[in-house]
């Protein structure tokens, strides 16, 4: 079968589609990629892609804001091109935006995995995993799944361990990177450590003066030479770094296209970075990293999909902060993790000791790895594995995986996840109230089928459950899934009550595994 994978979002997200592509290709399918035209170079790093079909997204969206007939003509032109160059039998659409759904439906009709439209033009998801991918994007603070695993599952694969492996740079690109590095390398340098100074927002950027202190420590301690990386828009950060730092460095900010950046990463012993596309490019090229997650960024969902990477986040009760809310603390998290903390970790790694358990002042430290089911996981190095957030993420990843796979819940047995007293009591009350409301709803469904006058009470209870869950930071994504259920046409009462029972079983599975620390 010929499958066209759509990822019409950011550079890093496109790269993180690769494990899903690899599994589709491993099943014997021929695969191609539809992406935004400005990321066509990134798509070229996906080794399984037989064809890259860039979409002029900005012109298409601009057309929708003007003459929609011209926009549709442009869309039809793109569809004709795709059919002429690849002629897909099916699509995998990993972008929930309406335009991406429309495109997938226009290309492949009903044969779409992930996000699409139904025959009436309403939003449609091919699986609960796809629905959860969109539902969890509204609040990633407690999403228990790495986005790579969500992409794999939404694509209809992901039954075993994933593997992130981008196309390695060709020899000429590696030789050019060696030349560019050598031109700025002073005598005595022993190795290169990359510094990705920028991020998508200033609030997510570790301060340049902290990078500068780190660079000084690496040079003085082991003659490790910092290599400054970033796009043209990050030259001011590089200038601030050079103005503050007393140690030498290689400044490649604004001087590398994507092939050159990939080749440069392959020459590094270590990358120190904010949560950016460069982090994911490094992971796909098997480059170890120390990544710093600030503001809304957190490692459990957007951490590097590679074993053995160190992820640091501020040890602050407000982290990660919610999207779209001004920080009441003046972005204090940016300076919570000091350069000495990162220097100690980097020095230990470069000396061959790896990233070790111990004290990471100012930080919650996590080591990336895979759990028994092959999903990306984070193990605490700093003693934060028993915090309420970490415990809930472990519990919800185990239970939600069975729910989203639509499997029977395994007996809890001796499995228990201990939450601190106040957190346990609040969650236990929420789960008990949820169970009571679901039992009430199931009874009202039967009554409403016999007496339409009961429909109002049934709908009121349904809405009460939605409000209860979406107001909870623990069950917010489940609440958005529940809301999706209300938007689906239901053919008969047994199917409706079956779904209510399924959610009741989910709540019970959470309750059965919950313990008080």
Protein backbone atom coordinates (compact mmCIF):
# COMPACT_ATOMS: atom_id res chain seq x y z
CA UNK A 1 0.00 0.00 0.00
CA UNK A 2 1.15 3.57 -0.70
CA UNK A 3 0.68 5.79 2.36
CA UNK A 4 1.10 9.57 2.50
CA UNK A 5 1.96 10.90 5.95
CA UNK A 6 0.90 14.49 6.66
CA UNK A 7 2.67 16.57 9.29
CA UNK A 8 1.96 20.22 8.58
CA UNK A 9 3.39 21.67 11.76
CA UNK A 10 6.82 22.57 13.09
CA UNK A 11 10.33 21.44 12.24
CA UNK A 12 10.74 19.32 15.37
CA UNK A 13 7.32 17.67 15.06
CA UNK A 14 8.07 16.73 11.47
CA UNK A 15 11.32 15.05 12.46
CA UNK A 16 9.55 13.21 15.25
CA UNK A 17 7.26 11.57 12.69
CA UNK A 18 10.16 9.37 11.60
CA UNK A 19 9.55 6.45 13.99
CA UNK A 20 5.96 6.19 12.71
CA UNK A 21 7.22 6.28 9.12
CA UNK A 22 9.77 3.58 9.91
CA UNK A 23 7.11 1.26 11.32
CA UNK A 24 4.81 1.82 8.35
CA UNK A 25 7.68 1.07 5.98
CA UNK A 26 8.58 -1.97 8.10
CA UNK A 27 5.09 -3.32 7.46
CA UNK A 28 5.85 -3.29 3.74
CA UNK A 29 4.14 -0.02 2.83
CA UNK A 30 5.61 2.57 0.50
CA UNK A 31 5.56 5.93 2.29
CA UNK A 32 5.78 9.58 1.31
CA UNK A 33 5.57 12.79 3.34
CA UNK A 34 3.42 15.90 2.93
CA UNK A 35 4.88 18.87 4.81
CA UNK A 36 4.94 22.66 4.66
CA UNK A 37 7.28 23.86 1.93
CA UNK A 38 9.61 25.69 4.34
CA UNK A 39 10.32 22.36 6.08
CA UNK A 40 11.00 20.31 2.94
CA UNK A 41 14.69 20.21 3.85
CA UNK A 42 13.84 18.64 7.21
CA UNK A 43 11.65 16.03 5.50
CA UNK A 44 14.68 15.02 3.44
CA UNK A 45 16.17 13.67 6.68
CA UNK A 46 13.41 11.02 6.89
CA UNK A 47 15.10 7.98 5.32
CA UNK A 48 11.92 5.98 4.71
CA UNK A 49 10.20 8.72 2.67
CA UNK A 50 10.02 7.72 -0.97
CA UNK A 51 8.83 11.20 -1.93
CA UNK A 52 8.57 14.63 -0.29
CA UNK A 53 5.50 16.62 -1.35
CA UNK A 54 5.77 20.18 0.03
CA UNK A 55 2.56 22.16 0.48
CA UNK A 56 2.65 25.96 0.00
CA UNK A 57 0.88 26.35 3.31
CA UNK A 58 1.25 30.10 3.77
CA UNK A 59 -0.17 30.86 0.33
CA UNK A 60 -3.00 28.41 0.84
CA UNK A 61 -3.95 29.87 4.23
CA UNK A 62 -3.66 33.41 2.87
CA UNK A 63 -6.02 32.41 0.07
CA UNK A 64 -8.58 31.17 2.57
CA UNK A 65 -8.54 34.64 4.11
CA UNK A 66 -9.29 36.20 0.72
CA UNK A 67 -11.00 34.51 -2.21
CA UNK A 68 -11.80 31.00 -0.95
CA UNK A 69 -12.39 29.85 -4.54
CA UNK A 70 -8.75 30.54 -5.39
CA UNK A 71 -7.67 28.70 -2.25
CA UNK A 72 -9.70 25.65 -3.24
CA UNK A 73 -8.24 25.82 -6.75
CA UNK A 74 -4.76 25.83 -5.21
CA UNK A 75 -5.73 22.85 -3.06
CA UNK A 76 -6.99 20.96 -6.09
CA UNK A 77 -3.73 21.73 -7.86
CA UNK A 78 -1.79 20.26 -4.98
CA UNK A 79 -4.00 17.15 -4.95
CA UNK A 80 -3.41 16.63 -8.66
CA UNK A 81 0.32 16.92 -8.11
CA UNK A 82 0.27 14.39 -5.25
CA UNK A 83 -1.73 11.93 -7.33
CA UNK A 84 0.58 12.38 -10.29
CA UNK A 85 3.77 11.91 -8.27
CA UNK A 86 2.73 9.33 -5.68
CA UNK A 87 -0.98 8.37 -5.94
CA UNK A 88 -1.51 7.36 -2.28
CA UNK A 89 -3.92 4.60 -1.33
CA UNK A 90 -4.25 5.94 2.21
CA UNK A 91 -3.17 8.87 4.35
CA UNK A 92 -1.84 9.25 7.87
CA UNK A 93 -2.62 12.78 9.03
CA UNK A 94 -0.92 13.84 12.28
CA UNK A 95 -2.09 17.46 12.13
CA UNK A 96 -5.51 18.15 13.72
CA UNK A 97 -6.02 21.56 12.05
CA UNK A 98 -9.11 21.80 9.86
CA UNK A 99 -7.12 22.53 6.68
CA UNK A 100 -5.02 19.37 7.21
CA UNK A 101 -8.15 17.30 7.82
CA UNK A 102 -9.71 18.67 4.65
CA UNK A 103 -6.61 17.87 2.62
CA UNK A 104 -6.41 14.30 3.93
CA UNK A 105 -10.10 13.72 3.19
CA UNK A 106 -9.76 15.24 -0.28
CA UNK A 107 -6.81 12.99 -1.09
CA UNK A 108 -7.86 9.66 0.37
CA UNK A 109 -11.54 9.80 1.32
CA UNK A 110 -12.32 7.35 4.11
CA UNK A 111 -8.83 5.81 4.05
CA UNK A 112 -7.29 8.20 6.58
CA UNK A 113 -5.62 7.37 9.88
CA UNK A 114 -5.29 10.11 12.46
CA UNK A 115 -7.27 13.29 11.79
CA UNK A 116 -9.84 13.67 9.04
CA UNK A 117 -13.45 14.68 8.29
CA UNK A 118 -16.44 12.38 8.01
CA UNK A 119 -18.78 12.22 5.01
CA UNK A 120 -20.80 15.13 6.43
CA UNK A 121 -17.78 17.37 6.96
CA UNK A 122 -17.55 16.91 10.74
CA UNK A 123 -14.24 16.33 12.52
CA UNK A 124 -13.28 12.67 12.71
CA UNK A 125 -10.45 10.78 14.41
CA UNK A 126 -9.57 7.24 13.42
CA UNK A 127 -8.78 6.11 16.97
CA UNK A 128 -8.86 7.12 20.59
CA UNK A 129 -5.11 7.67 20.35
CA UNK A 130 -5.60 10.34 17.69
CA UNK A 131 -8.31 11.96 19.79
CA UNK A 132 -6.02 11.92 22.84
CA UNK A 133 -3.18 13.48 20.83
CA UNK A 134 -5.38 16.50 20.18
CA UNK A 135 -7.01 16.50 23.63
CA UNK A 136 -3.70 16.46 25.49
CA UNK A 137 -2.25 19.31 23.41
CA UNK A 138 -4.44 21.78 25.30
CA UNK A 139 -2.57 21.06 28.54
CA UNK A 140 0.71 19.19 28.15
CA UNK A 141 1.74 19.57 31.80
CA UNK A 142 0.34 16.16 32.73
CA UNK A 143 0.46 14.33 29.41
CA UNK A 144 2.12 11.00 30.22
CA UNK A 145 3.19 10.17 26.65
CA UNK A 146 6.08 11.44 24.57
CA UNK A 147 4.75 13.06 21.40
CA UNK A 148 6.68 10.52 19.29
CA UNK A 149 4.71 7.69 20.87
CA UNK A 150 1.47 9.61 20.32
CA UNK A 151 2.38 10.05 16.66
CA UNK A 152 3.11 6.34 16.37
CA UNK A 153 -0.18 5.36 17.96
CA UNK A 154 -2.22 7.89 15.97
CA UNK A 155 -0.65 6.46 12.82
CA UNK A 156 -1.96 3.01 13.74
CA UNK A 157 1.43 1.53 14.66
CA UNK A 158 3.40 1.69 17.92
CA UNK A 159 2.89 -1.87 19.13
CA UNK A 160 6.52 -2.29 20.18
CA UNK A 161 9.53 -0.12 21.00
CA UNK A 162 10.09 2.86 18.77
CA UNK A 163 13.40 3.84 17.21
CA UNK A 164 14.30 7.36 16.13
CA UNK A 165 16.89 7.31 13.33
CA UNK A 166 17.23 10.17 10.85
CA UNK A 167 19.28 10.05 7.66
CA UNK A 168 22.97 10.57 8.42
CA UNK A 169 24.72 13.47 6.67
CA UNK A 170 26.66 12.64 3.52
CA UNK A 171 30.45 12.73 3.47
CA UNK A 172 30.71 16.16 1.77
CA UNK A 173 28.49 17.73 4.45
CA UNK A 174 30.60 16.18 7.22
CA UNK A 175 33.81 17.40 5.55
CA UNK A 176 32.37 20.92 5.25
CA UNK A 177 31.41 20.84 8.94
CA UNK A 178 34.94 19.78 9.86
CA UNK A 179 36.33 22.69 7.86
CA UNK A 180 33.95 25.22 9.45
CA UNK A 181 34.79 23.98 12.94
CA UNK A 182 38.53 23.87 12.35
CA UNK A 183 38.53 27.49 11.11
CA UNK A 184 37.53 28.73 14.58
CA UNK A 185 39.11 26.08 16.82
CA UNK A 186 42.01 27.25 19.01
CA UNK A 187 44.93 25.07 19.96
CA UNK A 188 44.33 22.75 22.87
CA UNK A 189 40.65 22.04 22.24
CA UNK A 190 39.85 18.41 22.98
CA UNK A 191 36.23 18.07 21.90
CA UNK A 192 33.15 20.04 20.86
CA UNK A 193 30.04 20.72 22.96
CA UNK A 194 27.12 22.33 21.15
CA UNK A 195 25.10 25.18 22.69
CA UNK A 196 21.65 25.83 21.22
CA UNK A 197 21.00 29.28 22.67
CA UNK A 198 17.52 30.02 21.37
CA UNK A 199 14.04 28.60 21.75
CA UNK A 200 10.58 29.34 20.39
CA UNK A 201 9.97 32.00 23.06
CA UNK A 202 12.21 34.03 25.35
CA UNK A 203 10.55 32.52 28.42
CA UNK A 204 11.82 29.10 27.29
CA UNK A 205 15.44 30.25 26.85
CA UNK A 206 18.15 29.55 29.41
CA UNK A 207 19.95 32.91 29.83
CA UNK A 208 22.95 33.63 27.57
CA UNK A 209 25.11 34.57 30.57
CA UNK A 210 24.41 31.13 32.08
CA UNK A 211 25.52 29.52 28.82
CA UNK A 212 28.61 31.75 29.01
CA UNK A 213 29.50 30.56 32.53
CA UNK A 214 29.00 26.99 31.37
CA UNK A 215 31.29 27.58 28.39
CA UNK A 216 34.00 28.99 30.65
CA UNK A 217 33.78 26.01 32.97
CA UNK A 218 33.97 23.48 30.18
CA UNK A 219 36.96 25.17 28.60
CA UNK A 220 38.84 25.67 31.85
CA UNK A 221 38.08 22.19 33.17
CA UNK A 222 38.57 19.98 30.13
CA UNK A 223 39.27 22.18 27.10
CA UNK A 224 35.86 21.30 25.72
CA UNK A 225 35.07 23.97 23.11
CA UNK A 226 31.53 25.39 22.92
CA UNK A 227 29.96 25.53 19.46
CA UNK A 228 27.19 28.12 19.28
CA UNK A 229 24.21 27.00 17.18
CA UNK A 230 21.03 28.71 16.03
CA UNK A 231 19.30 30.46 13.18
CA UNK A 232 19.83 33.99 11.88
CA UNK A 233 17.23 35.33 14.30
CA UNK A 234 19.37 34.21 17.24
CA UNK A 235 22.49 36.24 16.41
CA UNK A 236 21.71 38.66 19.24
CA UNK A 237 21.88 35.75 21.69
CA UNK A 238 25.26 34.75 20.30
CA UNK A 239 26.49 38.33 20.62
CA UNK A 240 25.34 38.45 24.24
CA UNK A 241 27.14 35.15 24.88
CA UNK A 242 30.43 36.33 23.35
CA UNK A 243 30.27 39.64 25.20
CA UNK A 244 29.99 37.83 28.54
CA UNK A 245 32.14 34.72 28.02
CA UNK A 246 35.90 34.80 28.63
CA UNK A 247 36.51 31.44 26.93
CA UNK A 248 36.86 30.74 23.20
CA UNK A 249 34.00 29.33 21.15
CA UNK A 250 32.99 28.48 17.61
CA UNK A 251 30.14 30.75 16.50
CA UNK A 252 28.00 29.11 13.80
CA UNK A 253 24.76 30.96 14.63
CA UNK A 254 23.07 31.89 11.37
CA UNK A 255 25.82 30.12 9.37
CA UNK A 256 24.35 26.62 8.98
CA UNK A 257 21.57 25.41 6.77
CA UNK A 258 19.85 22.19 7.81
CA UNK A 259 22.36 19.76 6.22
CA UNK A 260 25.23 21.73 7.76
CA UNK A 261 23.53 21.77 11.17
CA UNK A 262 23.00 18.01 11.03
CA UNK A 263 26.63 17.45 10.06
CA UNK A 264 27.85 19.74 12.84
CA UNK A 265 25.75 17.89 15.42
CA UNK A 266 27.41 14.66 14.34
CA UNK A 267 30.79 16.14 15.37
CA UNK A 268 29.68 16.96 18.91
CA UNK A 269 30.35 14.94 22.04
CA UNK A 270 27.35 16.57 23.71
CA UNK A 271 24.62 19.12 22.99
CA UNK A 272 23.33 21.51 25.67
CA UNK A 273 20.06 22.97 24.50
CA UNK A 274 16.69 24.44 25.23
CA UNK A 275 13.60 22.49 24.11
CA UNK A 276 13.91 23.11 20.35
CA UNK A 277 13.93 21.39 17.00
CA UNK A 278 17.72 21.11 17.30
CA UNK A 279 17.23 18.84 20.32
CA UNK A 280 15.09 16.47 18.28
CA UNK A 281 17.45 16.60 15.32
CA UNK A 282 20.27 15.59 17.66
CA UNK A 283 18.22 12.74 19.14
CA UNK A 284 17.47 11.39 15.67
CA UNK A 285 21.19 11.51 14.86
CA UNK A 286 22.05 9.67 18.11
CA UNK A 287 23.78 12.67 19.70
CA UNK A 288 23.58 12.78 23.53
CA UNK A 289 22.17 15.92 25.10
CA UNK A 290 21.45 17.93 28.19
CA UNK A 291 18.17 19.72 27.60
CA UNK A 292 16.65 22.46 29.75
CA UNK A 293 12.86 22.74 29.91
CA UNK A 294 11.49 26.11 31.02
CA UNK A 295 8.07 27.81 31.23
CA UNK A 296 5.52 25.59 29.42
CA UNK A 297 8.12 23.04 28.26
CA UNK A 298 8.46 19.76 30.16
CA UNK A 299 10.39 16.59 29.32
CA UNK A 300 7.72 13.92 29.66
CA UNK A 301 6.00 14.86 26.39
CA UNK A 302 8.60 16.74 24.32
CA UNK A 303 11.83 15.29 25.68
CA UNK A 304 14.40 13.72 23.34
CA UNK A 305 13.36 10.34 21.94
CA UNK A 306 16.72 8.79 22.74
CA UNK A 307 17.91 6.69 25.64
CA UNK A 308 20.42 8.20 28.04
CA UNK A 309 19.78 11.93 27.66
CA UNK A 310 19.60 14.29 30.64
CA UNK A 311 16.52 16.50 30.95
CA UNK A 312 16.48 19.32 33.50
CA UNK A 313 13.48 21.35 34.61
CA UNK A 314 13.21 23.95 37.40
CA UNK A 315 12.46 22.53 40.81
CA UNK A 316 9.61 24.99 41.30
CA UNK A 317 6.03 24.12 42.29
CA UNK A 318 4.64 26.25 39.43
CA UNK A 319 6.56 24.39 36.73
CA UNK A 320 5.47 23.61 34.05
CA UNK A 321 3.27 26.67 33.68
CA UNK A 322 0.06 26.61 31.63
CA UNK A 323 -0.16 27.91 28.08
CA UNK A 324 -1.45 31.42 27.51
CA UNK A 325 -1.12 32.59 31.13
CA UNK A 326 1.27 35.46 31.99
CA UNK A 327 3.91 34.40 34.49
CA UNK A 328 3.26 35.98 37.92
CA UNK A 329 6.89 35.35 38.93
CA UNK A 330 8.69 37.27 36.20
CA UNK A 331 9.87 34.07 34.48
CA UNK A 332 11.99 33.23 37.51
CA UNK A 333 12.35 29.66 36.24
CA UNK A 334 14.82 30.86 33.60
CA UNK A 335 17.45 31.38 36.31
CA UNK A 336 16.42 28.57 38.66
CA UNK A 337 18.89 26.06 37.19
CA UNK A 338 22.35 27.57 37.63
CA UNK A 339 25.34 27.03 35.32
CA UNK A 340 27.18 25.08 38.02
CA UNK A 341 24.45 22.43 37.98
CA UNK A 342 24.73 21.95 34.22
CA UNK A 343 28.54 22.14 34.32
CA UNK A 344 28.76 19.34 36.88
CA UNK A 345 26.50 17.11 34.80
CA UNK A 346 28.31 17.88 31.54
CA UNK A 347 31.75 17.36 33.12
CA UNK A 348 30.73 13.97 34.53
CA UNK A 349 29.37 12.89 31.18
CA UNK A 350 32.45 14.01 29.22
CA UNK A 351 34.71 12.18 31.68
CA UNK A 352 32.91 8.93 30.92
CA UNK A 353 30.86 8.73 34.12
CA UNK A 354 27.55 9.39 32.41
CA UNK A 355 24.62 11.17 34.02
CA UNK A 356 24.53 10.00 37.61
CA UNK A 357 21.94 10.04 40.41
CA UNK A 358 22.56 12.76 42.96
CA UNK A 359 22.01 16.41 43.71
CA UNK A 360 21.12 18.76 40.87
CA UNK A 361 20.70 22.09 42.68
CA UNK A 362 17.70 24.04 41.40
CA UNK A 363 16.60 21.26 39.07
CA UNK A 364 14.51 18.16 38.75
CA UNK A 365 16.76 15.85 36.74
CA UNK A 366 15.43 13.06 34.54
CA UNK A 367 17.21 10.44 32.45
CA UNK A 368 15.43 9.38 29.26
CA UNK A 369 14.77 5.71 28.62
CA UNK A 370 12.09 3.24 27.56
CA UNK A 371 9.60 1.42 29.73
CA UNK A 372 8.68 -2.26 29.51
CA UNK A 373 6.09 -1.58 26.79
CA UNK A 374 8.57 0.34 24.63
CA UNK A 375 7.24 3.82 25.41
CA UNK A 376 9.59 6.70 26.20
CA UNK A 377 9.91 7.27 29.94
CA UNK A 378 11.85 9.45 32.34
CA UNK A 379 13.69 8.13 35.41
CA UNK A 380 14.48 10.57 38.20
CA UNK A 381 18.14 11.21 39.02
CA UNK A 382 17.43 13.84 41.64
CA UNK A 383 14.95 12.11 43.95
CA UNK A 384 11.78 13.50 42.36
CA UNK A 385 10.37 10.16 41.21
CA UNK A 386 7.97 9.96 44.18
CA UNK A 387 6.46 13.42 43.77
CA UNK A 388 2.74 13.62 43.06
CA UNK A 389 3.28 14.65 39.44
CA UNK A 390 5.73 11.86 38.65
CA UNK A 391 3.59 9.21 40.35
CA UNK A 392 0.46 10.34 38.51
CA UNK A 393 2.29 10.31 35.15
CA UNK A 394 3.42 6.71 35.72
CA UNK A 395 -0.07 5.63 36.80
CA UNK A 396 -1.89 7.39 34.00
CA UNK A 397 0.53 6.18 31.32
CA UNK A 398 -0.13 2.57 32.34
CA UNK A 399 -3.92 2.88 32.64
CA UNK A 400 -4.51 5.22 29.70
CA UNK A 401 -2.46 2.99 27.40
CA UNK A 402 -4.95 0.15 27.97
CA UNK A 403 -7.92 2.51 27.64
CA UNK A 404 -6.70 4.07 24.39
CA UNK A 405 -5.79 0.66 22.95
CA UNK A 406 -9.36 -0.38 23.83
CA UNK A 407 -8.06 -3.40 25.70
CA UNK A 408 -9.45 -4.95 28.86
CA UNK A 409 -7.85 -3.45 31.94
CA UNK A 410 -5.36 -5.81 33.53
CA UNK A 411 -6.08 -6.65 37.19
CA UNK A 412 -4.29 -4.26 39.52
CA UNK A 413 -2.91 -7.10 41.64
CA UNK A 414 -0.15 -5.71 43.85
CA UNK A 415 0.38 -2.69 41.64
CA UNK A 416 0.00 0.48 43.68
CA UNK A 417 1.04 4.07 43.02
CA UNK A 418 1.47 6.02 46.24
CA UNK A 419 0.54 9.70 46.21
CA UNK A 420 1.26 12.08 49.10
CA UNK A 421 -1.65 12.37 51.52
CA UNK A 422 -3.36 15.59 50.35
CA UNK A 423 -2.95 14.68 46.67
CA UNK A 424 -4.21 11.14 47.27
CA UNK A 425 -7.28 12.35 49.17
CA UNK A 426 -8.23 14.96 46.58
CA UNK A 427 -7.84 12.49 43.71
CA UNK A 428 -9.69 9.74 45.57
CA UNK A 429 -12.64 12.12 46.08
CA UNK A 430 -12.59 13.06 42.40
CA UNK A 431 -12.57 9.43 41.29
CA UNK A 432 -15.35 8.46 43.72
CA UNK A 433 -17.53 11.34 42.53
CA UNK A 434 -16.81 10.35 38.93
CA UNK A 435 -17.89 6.75 39.56
CA UNK A 436 -21.13 7.89 41.18
CA UNK A 437 -21.98 10.21 38.28
CA UNK A 438 -21.20 7.56 35.66
CA UNK A 439 -23.50 5.07 37.40
CA UNK A 440 -26.22 7.72 37.50
CA UNK A 441 -25.67 8.51 33.81
CA UNK A 442 -25.92 4.85 32.79
CA UNK A 443 -29.27 4.59 34.58
CA UNK A 444 -30.53 7.81 33.01
CA UNK A 445 -29.57 6.56 29.55
CA UNK A 446 -31.94 3.63 29.93
CA UNK A 447 -34.72 5.84 31.28
CA UNK A 448 -34.27 8.39 28.47
CA UNK A 449 -34.60 5.61 25.88
CA UNK A 450 -38.03 4.74 27.30
CA UNK A 451 -39.11 8.26 28.25
CA UNK A 452 -37.80 11.17 26.15
CA UNK A 453 -38.67 13.55 28.99
CA UNK A 454 -35.62 12.18 30.82
CA UNK A 455 -33.25 13.31 28.07
CA UNK A 456 -32.66 16.67 29.72
CA UNK A 457 -31.51 15.06 32.96
CA UNK A 458 -29.26 12.68 31.03
CA UNK A 459 -27.61 15.57 29.16
CA UNK A 460 -27.22 17.60 32.36
CA UNK A 461 -25.38 14.71 34.04
CA UNK A 462 -23.20 14.21 30.95
CA UNK A 463 -22.25 17.90 31.07
CA UNK A 464 -21.62 17.71 34.80
CA UNK A 465 -19.09 14.92 34.25
CA UNK A 466 -17.40 16.90 31.47
CA UNK A 467 -17.10 19.95 33.72
CA UNK A 468 -15.77 17.89 36.61
CA UNK A 469 -13.03 16.31 34.52
CA UNK A 470 -11.97 19.28 32.42
CA UNK A 471 -11.61 21.39 35.59
CA UNK A 472 -9.19 18.80 36.99
CA UNK A 473 -5.49 18.97 36.08
CA UNK A 474 -5.34 15.19 36.48
CA UNK A 475 -8.26 14.30 34.22
CA UNK A 476 -8.36 17.26 31.85
CA UNK A 477 -7.47 15.24 28.74
CA UNK A 478 -10.01 12.57 29.69
CA UNK A 479 -12.60 15.34 29.99
CA UNK A 480 -11.83 16.52 26.47
CA UNK A 481 -12.14 12.95 25.21
CA UNK A 482 -15.51 12.74 26.97
CA UNK A 483 -16.58 15.94 25.24
CA UNK A 484 -15.68 14.34 21.91
CA UNK A 485 -18.01 11.44 22.73
CA UNK A 486 -20.94 13.88 22.93
CA UNK A 487 -20.19 15.03 19.39
CA UNK A 488 -20.40 11.56 17.88
CA UNK A 489 -23.63 10.22 16.46
CA UNK A 490 -24.72 7.14 18.37
CA UNK A 491 -26.71 4.46 16.54
CA UNK A 492 -28.22 2.69 19.53
CA UNK A 493 -28.53 2.58 23.30
CA UNK A 494 -26.24 -0.45 23.85
CA UNK A 495 -23.35 1.32 22.12
CA UNK A 496 -23.89 4.46 24.20
CA UNK A 497 -24.09 2.61 27.51
CA UNK A 498 -21.09 0.54 26.46
CA UNK A 499 -19.02 3.67 26.15
CA UNK A 500 -20.24 4.97 29.50
CA UNK A 501 -19.24 1.64 31.03
CA UNK A 502 -15.81 1.92 29.40
CA UNK A 503 -15.17 5.26 31.06
CA UNK A 504 -16.44 3.83 34.34
CA UNK A 505 -13.88 1.02 33.99
CA UNK A 506 -11.16 3.61 33.37
CA UNK A 507 -12.04 5.46 36.57
CA UNK A 508 -12.12 2.17 38.47
CA UNK A 509 -8.69 1.21 37.08
CA UNK A 510 -7.28 4.48 38.39
CA UNK A 511 -8.92 3.90 41.79
CA UNK A 512 -7.68 0.30 42.08
CA UNK A 513 -4.05 1.35 41.64
CA UNK A 514 -4.09 4.42 43.86
CA UNK A 515 -2.44 4.26 47.27
CA UNK A 516 -1.71 6.78 50.01
CA UNK A 517 1.95 7.46 50.76
